[in-house]
Protein backbone atom coordinates (compact mmCIF):
# COMPACT_ATOMS: atom_id res chain seq x y z
CA MET A 1 0.00 0.00 0.00
CA THR A 2 1.18 3.53 -0.71
CA ASN A 3 2.01 6.14 1.83
CA ARG A 4 1.83 9.61 0.29
CA LEU A 5 1.68 12.88 2.17
CA PRO A 6 -1.49 14.86 1.46
CA GLN A 7 0.41 17.45 -0.56
CA ASP A 8 1.93 14.69 -2.71
CA CYS A 9 -1.44 13.43 -3.97
CA LYS A 10 -1.89 14.41 -7.61
CA ASP A 11 -5.58 13.55 -8.00
CA MET A 12 -8.67 12.34 -6.16
CA THR A 13 -7.81 8.69 -6.81
CA GLU A 14 -4.59 9.07 -4.85
CA VAL A 15 -6.37 11.03 -2.10
CA ARG A 16 -9.00 8.28 -1.78
CA VAL A 17 -6.34 5.57 -1.58
CA GLU A 18 -4.68 7.41 1.28
CA ILE A 19 -7.97 8.05 3.08
CA ASP A 20 -8.78 4.33 2.81
CA ARG A 21 -5.31 3.50 4.17
CA CYS A 22 -5.84 5.88 7.11
CA ASP A 23 -9.29 4.43 7.79
CA LYS A 24 -7.84 0.92 7.98
CA MET A 25 -5.10 2.09 10.34
CA LEU A 26 -7.64 3.88 12.53
CA VAL A 27 -9.84 0.80 12.80
CA ASP A 28 -6.80 -1.36 13.56
CA MET A 29 -5.71 1.04 16.31
CA ILE A 30 -9.21 1.26 17.79
CA ALA A 31 -9.37 -2.55 17.83
CA GLU A 32 -6.00 -2.71 19.58
CA ARG A 33 -7.07 -0.09 22.13
CA PHE A 34 -10.33 -1.94 22.73
CA GLY A 35 -8.30 -5.06 23.54
CA TYR A 36 -6.44 -3.16 26.27
CA VAL A 37 -9.66 -1.67 27.65
CA GLU A 38 -11.22 -5.14 27.72
CA ARG A 39 -8.16 -6.50 29.52
CA ALA A 40 -8.30 -3.66 32.06
CA TRP A 41 -11.94 -4.56 32.71
CA GLN A 42 -10.99 -8.21 33.27
CA ILE A 43 -8.20 -7.27 35.70
CA LYS A 44 -10.47 -4.90 37.59
CA LEU A 45 -13.06 -7.66 38.00
CA GLN A 46 -10.40 -10.04 39.35
CA THR A 47 -9.04 -7.50 41.82
CA LYS A 48 -12.46 -6.06 42.62
CA GLU A 49 -11.33 -2.56 41.63
CA HIS A 50 -13.95 -0.09 40.58
CA ALA A 51 -14.45 -0.26 36.82
CA TYR A 52 -15.15 3.46 36.49
CA ILE A 53 -12.57 5.79 37.97
CA PRO A 54 -13.57 9.40 37.21
CA TRP A 55 -10.10 10.91 37.65
CA ARG A 56 -8.61 8.38 35.21
CA THR A 57 -11.33 9.00 32.66
CA GLN A 58 -10.67 12.74 32.90
CA GLN A 59 -6.94 12.11 32.58
CA VAL A 60 -7.52 10.20 29.33
CA PHE A 61 -9.80 12.93 27.95
CA ASP A 62 -7.32 15.66 28.87
CA ARG A 63 -4.49 13.78 27.14
CA VAL A 64 -6.57 13.20 24.00
CA ARG A 65 -7.50 16.89 23.89
CA GLN A 66 -3.85 17.90 24.31
CA LEU A 67 -2.76 15.56 21.51
CA ALA A 68 -5.52 16.92 19.28
CA GLU A 69 -4.43 20.50 19.91
CA GLU A 70 -0.81 19.60 19.15
CA LYS A 71 -1.94 18.23 15.77
CA GLY A 72 -4.20 21.21 15.04
CA LEU A 73 -7.39 19.14 15.36
CA PRO A 74 -10.61 20.11 17.13
CA PRO A 75 -10.25 18.78 20.70
CA ASP A 76 -14.03 18.33 21.09
CA MET A 77 -14.19 16.10 18.02
CA CYS A 78 -11.30 13.95 19.19
CA GLU A 79 -12.64 13.65 22.72
CA ALA A 80 -16.01 12.55 21.32
CA LEU A 81 -14.30 9.55 19.71
CA TRP A 82 -13.45 8.27 23.16
């Protein structure tokens, strides 16, 4: 599969190929993250920890928002994905 920078795409066909590549990578990463979240849930059940820890959830959201800002993306949109 190709790996062009946006500015290197010469036409819409090349843009679409790259968007499709990014979509696949995003789904792969979400699936990987879901695996870790599922494992955390399993561990919490074994150790009888609370599944929902508000400060940790906020920590994750704050980090996602910071990363979004660093990339010039809308923080609200990125946070909504979580």
